[in-house]
Amino acid sequence: VFFFFSSRRRHTRCREVSWARRCVQETGYQRRVHGIQQFIGEGCMEQQKKKADNKMRDIRIEKMVLNIGVGKSGDELTKAAKVLQDLTDQKPVFSRAKYTIRSFNVKRNETMAVHATIRGAKAMELLKRGLKVKDFELRQRCFTDNGCFGFGVDEHIDLGIKFDPTTGIYGMDFYVILSRPGLRVKSRKHARANIGKRHRVSKEDAMKWFKERLSGTVLQSNYNS
């Protein structure tokens, strides 16, 4: 009987010791895992900080295009060109029709629209004037997958131009192309290369830039309206 109880106590003691050792081992393993996770987290934070401080990651306006589509050539197209010239202080370019559409009385190579391309500080100034008409609110469908966005203005006099009875009122389209430094690599003549996927401007990046840089609001797309 004594031998039975002593062996039983010895077996219980061994189980307690093995359980304690396993707890210590698990505690050490958890500490190592926690340390690794903390190290990885610090590394990710440091990497994100480096990305934020990298000037090559800054998003800028590559160019902005203002377009007025009249639908036909003649005196109205000339007046529309004068509106763009007064607005941008540069000579606009006339656009021609690519196809013949008889139902709309459109002939091929007929001038039917006028547009102007603006860059630099002038583009930012005109963009703010155009967004002021929209109350700095755009819908998600105004942004494309490649980091561009556009919107329209019904009356050009809302941009600060005085009304001229001889000219009339014209609406226009704003289209903004965003990019990061280094976009020239894909279009230069020597040593041409592709732009990496991480360096391209996505739709989310464009909306984030619109919110932070211009203090704008992105509304949910409503396709019924």
Protein backbone atom coordinates (compact mmCIF):
# COMPACT_ATOMS: atom_id res chain seq x y z
CA VAL A 1 0.00 0.00 0.00
CA PHE A 2 2.82 2.36 0.84
CA PHE A 3 4.48 1.60 -2.47
CA PHE A 4 1.23 2.27 -4.30
CA PHE A 5 0.75 5.67 -2.66
CA SER A 6 4.37 6.69 -3.13
CA SER A 7 4.31 5.77 -6.82
CA ARG A 8 1.06 7.63 -7.23
CA ARG A 9 2.50 10.74 -5.57
CA ARG A 10 5.60 10.42 -7.74
CA HIS A 11 3.47 10.18 -10.90
CA THR A 12 1.38 13.20 -9.87
CA ARG A 13 4.54 15.15 -9.12
CA CYS A 14 5.97 14.30 -12.54
CA ARG A 15 2.80 15.47 -14.24
CA GLU A 16 2.91 18.77 -12.33
CA VAL A 17 6.56 19.31 -13.27
CA SER A 18 5.88 18.53 -16.96
CA TRP A 19 2.90 20.86 -16.94
CA ALA A 20 4.96 23.64 -15.40
CA ARG A 21 7.74 23.12 -17.94
CA ARG A 22 5.23 23.26 -20.79
CA CYS A 23 3.76 26.47 -19.41
CA VAL A 24 7.23 27.99 -19.24
CA GLN A 25 7.95 26.85 -22.78
CA GLU A 26 4.65 28.29 -24.05
CA THR A 27 5.32 31.54 -22.21
CA GLY A 28 8.75 31.77 -23.83
CA TYR A 29 7.27 30.98 -27.23
CA GLN A 30 4.62 33.66 -26.79
CA ARG A 31 7.30 36.15 -25.79
CA ARG A 32 9.32 35.32 -28.89
CA VAL A 33 6.21 35.63 -31.10
CA HIS A 34 5.31 38.94 -29.47
CA GLY A 35 8.83 40.20 -30.02
CA ILE A 36 8.76 39.17 -33.67
CA GLN A 37 5.37 40.82 -34.16
CA GLN A 38 6.60 43.99 -32.50
CA PHE A 39 9.72 43.99 -34.68
CA ILE A 40 7.64 43.49 -37.83
CA GLY A 41 5.22 46.24 -36.76
CA GLU A 42 8.06 48.69 -36.15
CA GLY A 43 9.56 47.76 -39.51
CA CYS A 44 6.24 48.38 -41.29
CA MET A 45 5.81 51.71 -39.54
CA GLU A 46 9.33 52.72 -40.48
CA GLN A 47 8.72 51.66 -44.08
CA GLN A 48 5.48 53.64 -44.25
CA LYS A 49 7.29 56.67 -42.82
CA LYS A 50 9.97 56.36 -45.49
CA LYS A 51 7.28 56.16 -48.17
CA ALA A 52 5.59 59.28 -46.81
CA ASP A 53 8.89 61.20 -46.81
CA ASN A 54 9.82 60.03 -50.32
CA LYS A 55 9.41 62.91 -52.78
CA MET A 56 8.98 60.48 -55.66
CA ARG A 57 5.68 59.35 -54.08
CA ASP A 58 4.15 62.84 -54.14
CA ILE A 59 1.10 63.16 -56.39
CA ARG A 60 0.87 66.22 -58.62
CA ILE A 61 -1.21 67.54 -61.50
CA GLU A 62 0.41 66.43 -64.73
CA LYS A 63 -1.99 68.49 -66.85
CA MET A 64 -5.59 69.66 -67.05
CA VAL A 65 -7.66 69.82 -70.22
CA LEU A 66 -10.58 72.21 -70.71
CA ASN A 67 -12.92 71.24 -73.53
CA ILE A 68 -15.95 72.95 -75.08
CA GLY A 69 -17.92 70.83 -77.52
CA VAL A 70 -20.15 72.87 -79.81
CA GLY A 71 -21.10 70.11 -82.23
CA LYS A 72 -20.64 72.14 -85.39
CA SER A 73 -18.27 74.61 -86.96
CA GLY A 74 -18.96 78.26 -87.56
CA ASP A 75 -19.40 81.38 -85.51
CA GLU A 76 -20.37 79.54 -82.31
CA LEU A 77 -17.11 77.59 -82.33
CA THR A 78 -15.16 80.82 -82.76
CA LYS A 79 -16.94 82.35 -79.78
CA ALA A 80 -16.20 79.23 -77.69
CA ALA A 81 -12.51 79.54 -78.59
CA LYS A 82 -12.58 83.16 -77.43
CA VAL A 83 -14.05 82.05 -74.08
CA LEU A 84 -11.25 79.54 -73.56
CA GLN A 85 -8.63 82.08 -74.57
CA ASP A 86 -9.95 84.62 -72.08
CA LEU A 87 -10.02 81.99 -69.35
CA THR A 88 -6.62 80.36 -69.88
CA ASP A 89 -4.63 83.24 -71.48
CA GLN A 90 -3.37 80.87 -74.17
CA LYS A 91 -4.33 79.91 -77.69
CA PRO A 92 -6.81 76.96 -77.77
CA VAL A 93 -6.72 74.06 -80.23
CA PHE A 94 -9.62 73.02 -82.46
CA SER A 95 -10.75 69.38 -82.52
CA ARG A 96 -12.02 67.60 -85.62
CA ALA A 97 -14.62 64.88 -86.02
CA LYS A 98 -13.22 61.40 -86.71
CA TYR A 99 -16.32 59.94 -88.38
CA THR A 100 -19.26 61.07 -90.46
CA ILE A 101 -22.63 60.88 -88.70
CA ARG A 102 -25.39 61.94 -91.06
CA SER A 103 -28.14 61.83 -88.45
CA PHE A 104 -26.31 64.55 -86.50
CA ASN A 105 -25.11 66.43 -89.59
CA VAL A 106 -21.51 65.75 -88.61
CA LYS A 107 -18.92 65.41 -91.35
CA ARG A 108 -15.52 63.82 -91.07
CA ASN A 109 -12.61 66.25 -90.36
CA GLU A 110 -15.07 69.02 -89.51
CA THR A 111 -14.02 71.27 -86.61
CA MET A 112 -16.65 70.90 -83.90
CA ALA A 113 -14.91 71.42 -80.55
CA VAL A 114 -12.10 73.41 -78.97
CA HIS A 115 -9.82 72.54 -76.06
CA ALA A 116 -6.83 73.88 -74.14
CA THR A 117 -4.20 72.10 -72.02
CA ILE A 118 -3.01 73.83 -68.84
CA ARG A 119 -0.09 72.85 -66.60
CA GLY A 120 1.59 74.07 -63.44
CA ALA A 121 0.18 76.65 -61.02
CA LYS A 122 -2.32 77.91 -63.59
CA ALA A 123 -3.92 74.44 -63.71
CA MET A 124 -4.35 74.38 -59.92
CA GLU A 125 -5.86 77.86 -59.94
CA LEU A 126 -8.43 77.03 -62.63
CA LEU A 127 -9.20 73.69 -60.96
CA LYS A 128 -10.07 75.42 -57.69
CA ARG A 129 -12.29 77.89 -59.54
CA GLY A 130 -14.09 75.04 -61.26
CA LEU A 131 -14.51 73.02 -58.07
CA LYS A 132 -15.87 76.08 -56.29
CA VAL A 133 -18.85 75.92 -58.66
CA LYS A 134 -19.37 72.27 -57.61
CA ASP A 135 -18.92 73.15 -53.91
CA PHE A 136 -15.81 70.91 -53.91
CA GLU A 137 -18.02 67.82 -54.17
CA LEU A 138 -17.51 65.05 -56.72
CA ARG A 139 -18.99 61.59 -57.07
CA GLN A 140 -16.96 58.40 -57.11
CA ARG A 141 -17.81 57.79 -60.76
CA CYS A 142 -15.93 61.01 -61.64
CA PHE A 143 -12.66 59.20 -60.81
CA THR A 144 -11.07 56.67 -63.15
CA ASP A 145 -8.98 53.60 -62.31
CA ASN A 146 -5.77 55.21 -63.58
CA GLY A 147 -5.92 58.18 -61.20
CA CYS A 148 -7.72 60.81 -63.28
CA PHE A 149 -10.96 62.66 -62.62
CA GLY A 150 -13.24 65.04 -64.46
CA PHE A 151 -16.40 67.11 -64.10
CA GLY A 152 -18.44 69.64 -66.03
CA VAL A 153 -19.57 73.23 -65.58
CA ASP A 154 -22.83 74.41 -67.15
CA GLU A 155 -22.02 78.13 -67.43
CA HIS A 156 -18.58 79.62 -67.92
CA ILE A 157 -19.62 82.87 -66.22
CA ASP A 158 -19.55 80.98 -62.89
CA LEU A 159 -15.75 80.86 -63.21
CA GLY A 160 -15.43 84.62 -62.79
CA ILE A 161 -15.71 85.75 -66.42
CA LYS A 162 -18.00 88.68 -67.15
CA PHE A 163 -21.03 87.97 -69.28
CA ASP A 164 -20.80 89.20 -72.86
CA PRO A 165 -24.14 89.29 -74.77
CA THR A 166 -22.33 88.92 -78.09
CA THR A 167 -20.61 85.74 -76.96
CA GLY A 168 -23.31 83.96 -74.99
CA ILE A 169 -22.94 81.25 -72.37
CA TYR A 170 -20.97 78.04 -72.85
CA GLY A 171 -20.44 75.00 -70.67
CA MET A 172 -17.13 73.18 -70.48
CA ASP A 173 -15.54 69.97 -69.27
CA PHE A 174 -12.62 69.77 -66.83
CA TYR A 175 -10.38 66.72 -67.01
CA VAL A 176 -7.40 66.38 -64.64
CA ILE A 177 -4.54 63.89 -65.05
CA LEU A 178 -2.62 63.05 -61.85
CA SER A 179 0.81 61.44 -61.79
CA ARG A 180 3.93 60.87 -59.72
CA PRO A 181 7.45 62.00 -60.70
CA GLY A 182 9.00 59.66 -63.25
CA LEU A 183 6.06 59.38 -65.64
CA ARG A 184 8.34 60.48 -68.48
CA VAL A 185 10.07 57.07 -68.37
CA LYS A 186 7.29 55.40 -70.36
CA SER A 187 7.19 58.03 -73.12
CA ARG A 188 10.81 59.11 -73.60
CA LYS A 189 12.67 58.08 -76.73
CA HIS A 190 15.82 56.61 -75.14
CA ALA A 191 15.76 53.81 -72.53
CA ARG A 192 11.98 53.61 -72.46
CA ALA A 193 10.49 51.44 -69.68
CA ASN A 194 7.18 50.63 -68.03
CA ILE A 195 5.90 52.27 -64.86
CA GLY A 196 5.61 49.89 -61.90
CA LYS A 197 2.18 49.11 -60.54
CA ARG A 198 2.99 50.54 -57.10
CA HIS A 199 4.15 53.82 -58.64
CA ARG A 200 0.97 54.35 -60.65
CA VAL A 201 -1.82 56.53 -59.30
CA SER A 202 -4.90 54.46 -58.48
CA LYS A 203 -8.49 55.54 -58.00
CA GLU A 204 -8.11 55.44 -54.22
CA ASP A 205 -4.95 57.56 -54.39
CA ALA A 206 -6.73 60.15 -56.53
CA MET A 207 -9.68 60.39 -54.14
CA LYS A 208 -7.33 60.66 -51.15
CA TRP A 209 -5.38 63.44 -52.89
CA PHE A 210 -8.64 65.25 -53.69
CA LYS A 211 -9.73 65.09 -50.05
CA GLU A 212 -6.41 66.11 -48.50
CA ARG A 213 -5.06 68.62 -51.01
CA LEU A 214 -8.28 70.35 -52.05
CA SER A 215 -10.39 69.62 -48.94
CA GLY A 216 -13.01 68.07 -51.19
CA THR A 217 -15.81 65.60 -50.55
CA VAL A 218 -16.35 62.37 -52.48
CA LEU A 219 -20.02 61.38 -52.68
CA GLN A 220 -21.45 57.95 -53.37
CA SER A 221 -22.26 57.34 -57.01
CA ASN A 222 -25.93 57.45 -57.86
CA TYR A 223 -26.46 56.16 -61.38
CA ASN A 224 -30.17 56.98 -61.37
CA SER A 225 -29.53 60.71 -61.21
